[in-house]
Amino acid sequence: AEAEGRVLLVHGKLARQQLMPKRFPFYNP
């Protein structure tokens, strides 16, 4: 995707599961 400077819509398979916080220490796939 060319997303820099744009609004990015994330959907479909990419948005099927909540993403764990980037620094969550106990579980981070």
PDB file of all heavy atoms in Angstrom:
ATOM      1  N   ALA A   1       0.821  -1.218   0.000  1.00  0.00           N
ATOM      2  CA  ALA A   1       0.000   0.000   0.000  1.00  0.00           C
ATOM      3  C   ALA A   1       0.853   1.267   0.000  1.00  0.00           C
ATOM      4  O   ALA A   1       1.903   1.325   0.641  1.00  0.00           O
ATOM      5  CB  ALA A   1      -0.922  -0.006   1.216  1.00  0.00           C
ATOM      6  N   GLU A   2       0.386   2.265  -0.725  1.00  0.00           N
ATOM      7  CA  GLU A   2       0.972   3.603  -0.665  1.00  0.00           C
ATOM      8  C   GLU A   2       0.116   4.418   0.301  1.00  0.00           C
ATOM      9  O   GLU A   2      -0.891   4.993  -0.072  1.00  0.00           O
ATOM     10  CB  GLU A   2       0.999   4.240  -2.049  1.00  0.00           C
ATOM     11  CG  GLU A   2       1.894   3.502  -3.036  1.00  0.00           C
ATOM     12  CD  GLU A   2       1.954   4.194  -4.383  1.00  0.00           C
ATOM     13  OE1 GLU A   2       1.410   5.318  -4.498  1.00  0.00           O
ATOM     14  OE2 GLU A   2       2.537   3.618  -5.319  1.00  0.00           O
ATOM     15  N   ALA A   3       0.526   4.403   1.560  1.00  0.00           N
ATOM     16  CA  ALA A   3      -0.314   4.967   2.615  1.00  0.00           C
ATOM     17  C   ALA A   3       0.251   6.222   3.254  1.00  0.00           C
ATOM     18  O   ALA A   3      -0.471   6.912   3.985  1.00  0.00           O
ATOM     19  CB  ALA A   3      -0.542   3.920   3.705  1.00  0.00           C
ATOM     20  N   GLU A   4       1.510   6.560   2.986  1.00  0.00           N
ATOM     21  CA  GLU A   4       2.094   7.727   3.642  1.00  0.00           C
ATOM     22  C   GLU A   4       1.337   8.996   3.241  1.00  0.00           C
ATOM     23  O   GLU A   4       1.083   9.256   2.059  1.00  0.00           O
ATOM     24  CB  GLU A   4       3.568   7.873   3.271  1.00  0.00           C
ATOM     25  CG  GLU A   4       4.246   9.023   3.996  1.00  0.00           C
ATOM     26  CD  GLU A   4       5.752   9.037   3.820  1.00  0.00           C
ATOM     27  OE1 GLU A   4       6.294   8.094   3.199  1.00  0.00           O
ATOM     28  OE2 GLU A   4       6.382   9.995   4.293  1.00  0.00           O
ATOM     29  N   GLY A   5       0.944   9.766   4.261  1.00  0.00           N
ATOM     30  CA  GLY A   5       0.197  10.993   4.013  1.00  0.00           C
ATOM     31  C   GLY A   5      -1.248  10.765   3.630  1.00  0.00           C
ATOM     32  O   GLY A   5      -1.936  11.698   3.191  1.00  0.00           O
ATOM     33  N   ARG A   6      -1.743   9.537   3.776  1.00  0.00           N
ATOM     34  CA  ARG A   6      -3.120   9.205   3.432  1.00  0.00           C
ATOM     35  C   ARG A   6      -3.840   8.630   4.661  1.00  0.00           C
ATOM     36  O   ARG A   6      -3.218   8.295   5.669  1.00  0.00           O
ATOM     37  CB  ARG A   6      -3.160   8.190   2.292  1.00  0.00           C
ATOM     38  CG  ARG A   6      -2.450   8.672   1.038  1.00  0.00           C
ATOM     39  CD  ARG A   6      -2.546   7.666  -0.081  1.00  0.00           C
ATOM     40  NE  ARG A   6      -1.840   8.140  -1.272  1.00  0.00           N
ATOM     41  CZ  ARG A   6      -1.824   7.532  -2.452  1.00  0.00           C
ATOM     42  NH1 ARG A   6      -2.507   6.386  -2.598  1.00  0.00           N
ATOM     43  NH2 ARG A   6      -1.162   8.038  -3.469  1.00  0.00           N
ATOM     44  N   VAL A   7      -5.134   8.497   4.554  1.00  0.00           N
ATOM     45  CA  VAL A   7      -5.918   7.789   5.575  1.00  0.00           C
ATOM     46  C   VAL A   7      -6.010   6.329   5.131  1.00  0.00           C
ATOM     47  O   VAL A   7      -6.409   6.046   3.998  1.00  0.00           O
ATOM     48  CB  VAL A   7      -7.316   8.409   5.730  1.00  0.00           C
ATOM     49  CG1 VAL A   7      -8.159   7.583   6.705  1.00  0.00           C
ATOM     50  CG2 VAL A   7      -7.216   9.852   6.212  1.00  0.00           C
ATOM     51  N   LEU A   8      -5.624   5.419   6.015  1.00  0.00           N
ATOM     52  CA  LEU A   8      -5.557   3.998   5.664  1.00  0.00           C
ATOM     53  C   LEU A   8      -6.734   3.240   6.252  1.00  0.00           C
ATOM     54  O   LEU A   8      -6.918   3.216   7.472  1.00  0.00           O
ATOM     55  CB  LEU A   8      -4.244   3.396   6.171  1.00  0.00           C
ATOM     56  CG  LEU A   8      -4.070   1.882   5.976  1.00  0.00           C
ATOM     57  CD1 LEU A   8      -4.067   1.513   4.500  1.00  0.00           C
ATOM     58  CD2 LEU A   8      -2.795   1.398   6.659  1.00  0.00           C
ATOM     59  N   LEU A   9      -7.525   2.603   5.400  1.00  0.00           N
ATOM     60  CA  LEU A   9      -8.592   1.699   5.833  1.00  0.00           C
ATOM     61  C   LEU A   9      -8.041   0.287   5.898  1.00  0.00           C
ATOM     62  O   LEU A   9      -7.528  -0.246   4.912  1.00  0.00           O
ATOM     63  CB  LEU A   9      -9.769   1.750   4.864  1.00  0.00           C
ATOM     64  CG  LEU A   9     -10.856   0.678   5.082  1.00  0.00           C
ATOM     65  CD1 LEU A   9     -11.551   0.870   6.424  1.00  0.00           C
ATOM     66  CD2 LEU A   9     -11.869   0.688   3.940  1.00  0.00           C
ATOM     67  N   VAL A  10      -8.151  -0.342   7.056  1.00  0.00           N
ATOM     68  CA  VAL A  10      -7.736  -1.726   7.264  1.00  0.00           C
ATOM     69  C   VAL A  10      -9.002  -2.567   7.431  1.00  0.00           C
ATOM     70  O   VAL A  10      -9.854  -2.246   8.275  1.00  0.00           O
ATOM     71  CB  VAL A  10      -6.826  -1.842   8.504  1.00  0.00           C
ATOM     72  CG1 VAL A  10      -6.450  -3.285   8.750  1.00  0.00           C
ATOM     73  CG2 VAL A  10      -5.582  -0.981   8.334  1.00  0.00           C
ATOM     74  N   HIS A  11      -9.145  -3.628   6.670  1.00  0.00           N
ATOM     75  CA  HIS A  11     -10.374  -4.443   6.721  1.00  0.00           C
ATOM     76  C   HIS A  11     -10.042  -5.883   6.387  1.00  0.00           C
ATOM     77  O   HIS A  11      -8.873  -6.265   6.270  1.00  0.00           O
ATOM     78  CB  HIS A  11     -11.422  -3.865   5.746  1.00  0.00           C
ATOM     79  CG  HIS A  11     -11.067  -4.070   4.304  1.00  0.00           C
ATOM     80  ND1 HIS A  11     -11.821  -4.834   3.446  1.00  0.00           N
ATOM     81  CD2 HIS A  11     -10.010  -3.628   3.563  1.00  0.00           C
ATOM     82  CE1 HIS A  11     -11.289  -4.843   2.248  1.00  0.00           C
ATOM     83  NE2 HIS A  11     -10.175  -4.106   2.284  1.00  0.00           N
ATOM     84  N   GLY A  12     -11.067  -6.713   6.278  1.00  0.00           N
ATOM     85  CA  GLY A  12     -10.896  -8.098   5.847  1.00  0.00           C
ATOM     86  C   GLY A  12     -10.010  -8.915   6.771  1.00  0.00           C
ATOM     87  O   GLY A  12     -10.060  -8.772   7.992  1.00  0.00           O
ATOM     88  N   LYS A  13      -9.176  -9.786   6.181  1.00  0.00           N
ATOM     89  CA  LYS A  13      -8.324 -10.668   6.965  1.00  0.00           C
ATOM     90  C   LYS A  13      -7.377  -9.881   7.866  1.00  0.00           C
ATOM     91  O   LYS A  13      -7.018 -10.342   8.954  1.00  0.00           O
ATOM     92  CB  LYS A  13      -7.516 -11.577   6.036  1.00  0.00           C
ATOM     93  CG  LYS A  13      -8.344 -12.602   5.283  1.00  0.00           C
ATOM     94  CD  LYS A  13      -7.449 -13.483   4.426  1.00  0.00           C
ATOM     95  CE  LYS A  13      -8.267 -14.531   3.678  1.00  0.00           C
ATOM     96  NZ  LYS A  13      -7.403 -15.392   2.820  1.00  0.00           N
ATOM     97  N   LEU A  14      -6.971  -8.715   7.421  1.00  0.00           N
ATOM     98  CA  LEU A  14      -6.025  -7.915   8.195  1.00  0.00           C
ATOM     99  C   LEU A  14      -6.641  -7.400   9.487  1.00  0.00           C
ATOM    100  O   LEU A  14      -5.922  -7.072  10.432  1.00  0.00           O
ATOM    101  CB  LEU A  14      -5.542  -6.739   7.344  1.00  0.00           C
ATOM    102  CG  LEU A  14      -4.272  -6.013   7.766  1.00  0.00           C
ATOM    103  CD1 LEU A  14      -3.090  -6.965   7.847  1.00  0.00           C
ATOM    104  CD2 LEU A  14      -3.977  -4.871   6.803  1.00  0.00           C
ATOM    105  N   ALA A  15      -7.967  -7.356   9.552  1.00  0.00           N
ATOM    106  CA  ALA A  15      -8.658  -6.810  10.723  1.00  0.00           C
ATOM    107  C   ALA A  15      -9.532  -7.850  11.402  1.00  0.00           C
ATOM    108  O   ALA A  15     -10.479  -7.508  12.097  1.00  0.00           O
ATOM    109  CB  ALA A  15      -9.510  -5.599  10.307  1.00  0.00           C
ATOM    110  N   ARG A  16      -9.178  -9.119  11.234  1.00  0.00           N
ATOM    111  CA  ARG A  16     -10.038 -10.164  11.801  1.00  0.00           C
ATOM    112  C   ARG A  16      -9.826 -10.352  13.299  1.00  0.00           C
ATOM    113  O   ARG A  16     -10.662 -10.933  13.986  1.00  0.00           O
ATOM    114  CB  ARG A  16      -9.804 -11.492  11.098  1.00  0.00           C
ATOM    115  CG  ARG A  16      -8.461 -12.155  11.393  1.00  0.00           C
ATOM    116  CD  ARG A  16      -8.274 -13.444  10.612  1.00  0.00           C
ATOM    117  NE  ARG A  16      -7.064 -14.149  10.968  1.00  0.00           N
ATOM    118  CZ  ARG A  16      -5.865 -13.891  10.479  1.00  0.00           C
ATOM    119  NH1 ARG A  16      -5.737 -12.905   9.583  1.00  0.00           N
ATOM    120  NH2 ARG A  16      -4.809 -14.579  10.852  1.00  0.00           N
ATOM    121  N   GLN A  17      -8.684  -9.883  13.829  1.00  0.00           N
ATOM    122  CA  GLN A  17      -8.351 -10.120  15.230  1.00  0.00           C
ATOM    123  C   GLN A  17      -7.743  -8.863  15.823  1.00  0.00           C
ATOM    124  O   GLN A  17      -6.954  -8.170  15.180  1.00  0.00           O
ATOM    125  CB  GLN A  17      -7.353 -11.279  15.331  1.00  0.00           C
ATOM    126  CG  GLN A  17      -7.086 -11.751  16.747  1.00  0.00           C
ATOM    127  CD  GLN A  17      -6.170 -12.966  16.761  1.00  0.00           C
ATOM    128  OE1 GLN A  17      -5.040 -12.911  16.279  1.00  0.00           O
ATOM    129  NE2 GLN A  17      -6.645 -14.073  17.325  1.00  0.00           N
ATOM    130  N   GLN A  18      -8.134  -8.557  17.070  1.00  0.00           N
ATOM    131  CA  GLN A  18      -7.548  -7.407  17.740  1.00  0.00           C
ATOM    132  C   GLN A  18      -6.046  -7.603  17.901  1.00  0.00           C
ATOM    133  O   GLN A  18      -5.587  -8.673  18.286  1.00  0.00           O
ATOM    134  CB  GLN A  18      -8.197  -7.186  19.109  1.00  0.00           C
ATOM    135  CG  GLN A  18      -7.761  -5.892  19.781  1.00  0.00           C
ATOM    136  CD  GLN A  18      -8.497  -5.647  21.084  1.00  0.00           C
ATOM    137  OE1 GLN A  18      -8.472  -6.480  21.979  1.00  0.00           O
ATOM    138  NE2 GLN A  18      -9.159  -4.506  21.181  1.00  0.00           N
ATOM    139  N   LEU A  19      -5.284  -6.555  17.615  1.00  0.00           N
ATOM    140  CA  LEU A  19      -3.831  -6.634  17.712  1.00  0.00           C
ATOM    141  C   LEU A  19      -3.392  -6.373  19.144  1.00  0.00           C
ATOM    142  O   LEU A  19      -3.858  -5.426  19.781  1.00  0.00           O
ATOM    143  CB  LEU A  19      -3.183  -5.605  16.776  1.00  0.00           C
ATOM    144  CG  LEU A  19      -3.522  -5.755  15.292  1.00  0.00           C
ATOM    145  CD1 LEU A  19      -2.880  -4.624  14.489  1.00  0.00           C
ATOM    146  CD2 LEU A  19      -3.061  -7.115  14.757  1.00  0.00           C
ATOM    147  N   MET A  20      -2.496  -7.204  19.627  1.00  0.00           N
ATOM    148  CA  MET A  20      -1.986  -6.991  20.971  1.00  0.00           C
ATOM    149  C   MET A  20      -1.151  -5.710  21.004  1.00  0.00           C
ATOM    150  O   MET A  20      -0.453  -5.400  20.038  1.00  0.00           O
ATOM    151  CB  MET A  20      -1.131  -8.177  21.418  1.00  0.00           C
ATOM    152  CG  MET A  20      -1.908  -9.465  21.578  1.00  0.00           C
ATOM    153  SD  MET A  20      -3.334  -9.329  22.681  1.00  0.00           S
ATOM    154  CE  MET A  20      -2.527  -8.897  24.228  1.00  0.00           C
ATOM    155  N   PRO A  21      -1.230  -4.947  22.100  1.00  0.00           N
ATOM    156  CA  PRO A  21      -0.422  -3.734  22.212  1.00  0.00           C
ATOM    157  C   PRO A  21       1.054  -4.038  21.983  1.00  0.00           C
ATOM    158  O   PRO A  21       1.562  -5.101  22.369  1.00  0.00           O
ATOM    159  CB  PRO A  21      -0.690  -3.267  23.639  1.00  0.00           C
ATOM    160  CG  PRO A  21      -2.054  -3.817  23.960  1.00  0.00           C
ATOM    161  CD  PRO A  21      -2.109  -5.140  23.264  1.00  0.00           C
ATOM    162  N   LYS A  22       1.760  -3.104  21.376  1.00  0.00           N
ATOM    163  CA  LYS A  22       3.111  -3.379  20.888  1.00  0.00           C
ATOM    164  C   LYS A  22       4.084  -3.742  22.006  1.00  0.00           C
ATOM    165  O   LYS A  22       5.048  -4.461  21.775  1.00  0.00           O
ATOM    166  CB  LYS A  22       3.641  -2.183  20.088  1.00  0.00           C
ATOM    167  CG  LYS A  22       3.639  -0.878  20.839  1.00  0.00           C
ATOM    168  CD  LYS A  22       3.875   0.318  19.930  1.00  0.00           C
ATOM    169  CE  LYS A  22       5.270   0.359  19.369  1.00  0.00           C
ATOM    170  NZ  LYS A  22       5.512   1.598  18.596  1.00  0.00           N
ATOM    171  N   ARG A  23       3.827  -3.257  23.229  1.00  0.00           N
ATOM    172  CA  ARG A  23       4.734  -3.555  24.336  1.00  0.00           C
ATOM    173  C   ARG A  23       4.095  -4.454  25.395  1.00  0.00           C
ATOM    174  O   ARG A  23       4.586  -4.526  26.513  1.00  0.00           O
ATOM    175  CB  ARG A  23       5.235  -2.253  24.975  1.00  0.00           C
ATOM    176  CG  ARG A  23       6.098  -1.414  24.047  1.00  0.00           C
ATOM    177  CD  ARG A  23       6.782  -0.260  24.773  1.00  0.00           C
ATOM    178  NE  ARG A  23       7.636   0.484  23.865  1.00  0.00           N
ATOM    179  CZ  ARG A  23       7.274   1.578  23.211  1.00  0.00           C
ATOM    180  NH1 ARG A  23       6.066   2.066  23.374  1.00  0.00           N
ATOM    181  NH2 ARG A  23       8.113   2.194  22.400  1.00  0.00           N
ATOM    182  N   PHE A  24       3.018  -5.142  25.044  1.00  0.00           N
ATOM    183  CA  PHE A  24       2.375  -6.023  26.018  1.00  0.00           C
ATOM    184  C   PHE A  24       3.323  -7.170  26.348  1.00  0.00           C
ATOM    185  O   PHE A  24       3.778  -7.894  25.444  1.00  0.00           O
ATOM    186  CB  PHE A  24       1.059  -6.563  25.476  1.00  0.00           C
ATOM    187  CG  PHE A  24       0.219  -7.254  26.508  1.00  0.00           C
ATOM    188  CD1 PHE A  24      -0.465  -6.522  27.457  1.00  0.00           C
ATOM    189  CD2 PHE A  24       0.132  -8.636  26.546  1.00  0.00           C
ATOM    190  CE1 PHE A  24      -1.243  -7.154  28.425  1.00  0.00           C
ATOM    191  CE2 PHE A  24      -0.636  -9.280  27.501  1.00  0.00           C
ATOM    192  CZ  PHE A  24      -1.322  -8.531  28.444  1.00  0.00           C
ATOM    193  N   PRO A  25       3.647  -7.382  27.630  1.00  0.00           N
ATOM    194  CA  PRO A  25       4.749  -8.286  27.960  1.00  0.00           C
ATOM    195  C   PRO A  25       4.406  -9.766  28.023  1.00  0.00           C
ATOM    196  O   PRO A  25       5.304 -10.607  27.959  1.00  0.00           O
ATOM    197  CB  PRO A  25       5.180  -7.788  29.341  1.00  0.00           C
ATOM    198  CG  PRO A  25       3.921  -7.260  29.956  1.00  0.00           C
ATOM    199  CD  PRO A  25       3.143  -6.669  28.817  1.00  0.00           C
ATOM    200  N   PHE A  26       3.133 -10.119  28.165  1.00  0.00           N
ATOM    201  CA  PHE A  26       2.793 -11.500  28.495  1.00  0.00           C
ATOM    202  C   PHE A  26       2.343 -12.344  27.306  1.00  0.00           C
ATOM    203  O   PHE A  26       2.391 -13.571  27.357  1.00  0.00           O
ATOM    204  CB  PHE A  26       1.720 -11.521  29.579  1.00  0.00           C
ATOM    205  CG  PHE A  26       2.108 -10.758  30.819  1.00  0.00           C
ATOM    206  CD1 PHE A  26       1.352  -9.686  31.258  1.00  0.00           C
ATOM    207  CD2 PHE A  26       3.245 -11.104  31.536  1.00  0.00           C
ATOM    208  CE1 PHE A  26       1.702  -8.975  32.396  1.00  0.00           C
ATOM    209  CE2 PHE A  26       3.606 -10.411  32.674  1.00  0.00           C
ATOM    210  CZ  PHE A  26       2.835  -9.338  33.111  1.00  0.00           C
ATOM    211  N   TYR A  27       1.854 -11.692  26.246  1.00  0.00           N
ATOM    212  CA  TYR A  27       1.374 -12.424  25.067  1.00  0.00           C
ATOM    213  C   TYR A  27       1.434 -11.468  23.892  1.00  0.00           C
ATOM    214  O   TYR A  27       0.784 -10.426  23.896  1.00  0.00           O
ATOM    215  CB  TYR A  27      -0.055 -12.919  25.284  1.00  0.00           C
ATOM    216  CG  TYR A  27      -0.712 -13.493  24.042  1.00  0.00           C
ATOM    217  CD1 TYR A  27      -0.337 -14.743  23.556  1.00  0.00           C
ATOM    218  CD2 TYR A  27      -1.696 -12.785  23.356  1.00  0.00           C
ATOM    219  CE1 TYR A  27      -0.937 -15.276  22.418  1.00  0.00           C
ATOM    220  CE2 TYR A  27      -2.304 -13.311  22.218  1.00  0.00           C
ATOM    221  CZ  TYR A  27      -1.914 -14.554  21.757  1.00  0.00           C
ATOM    222  OH  TYR A  27      -2.496 -15.075  20.627  1.00  0.00           O
ATOM    223  N   ASN A  28       2.238 -11.808  22.873  1.00  0.00           N
ATOM    224  CA  ASN A  28       2.395 -10.895  21.744  1.00  0.00           C
ATOM    225  C   ASN A  28       2.815 -11.688  20.508  1.00  0.00           C
ATOM    226  O   ASN A  28       3.999 -11.816  20.216  1.00  0.00           O
ATOM    227  CB  ASN A  28       3.433  -9.813  22.065  1.00  0.00           C
ATOM    228  CG  ASN A  28       3.106  -8.501  21.385  1.00  0.00           C
ATOM    229  OD1 ASN A  28       2.611  -8.502  20.266  1.00  0.00           O
ATOM    230  ND2 ASN A  28       3.377  -7.400  22.058  1.00  0.00           N
ATOM    231  N   PRO A  29       1.839 -12.213  19.754  1.00  0.00           N
ATOM    232  CA  PRO A  29       2.164 -13.054  18.599  1.00  0.00           C
ATOM    233  C   PRO A  29       3.011 -12.312  17.568  1.00  0.00           C
ATOM    234  O   PRO A  29       2.835 -11.108  17.348  1.00  0.00           O
ATOM    235  CB  PRO A  29       0.786 -13.410  18.031  1.00  0.00           C
ATOM    236  CG  PRO A  29      -0.174 -13.189  19.145  1.00  0.00           C
ATOM    237  CD  PRO A  29       0.395 -12.077  19.957  1.00  0.00           C
TER     238      PRO A  29
END
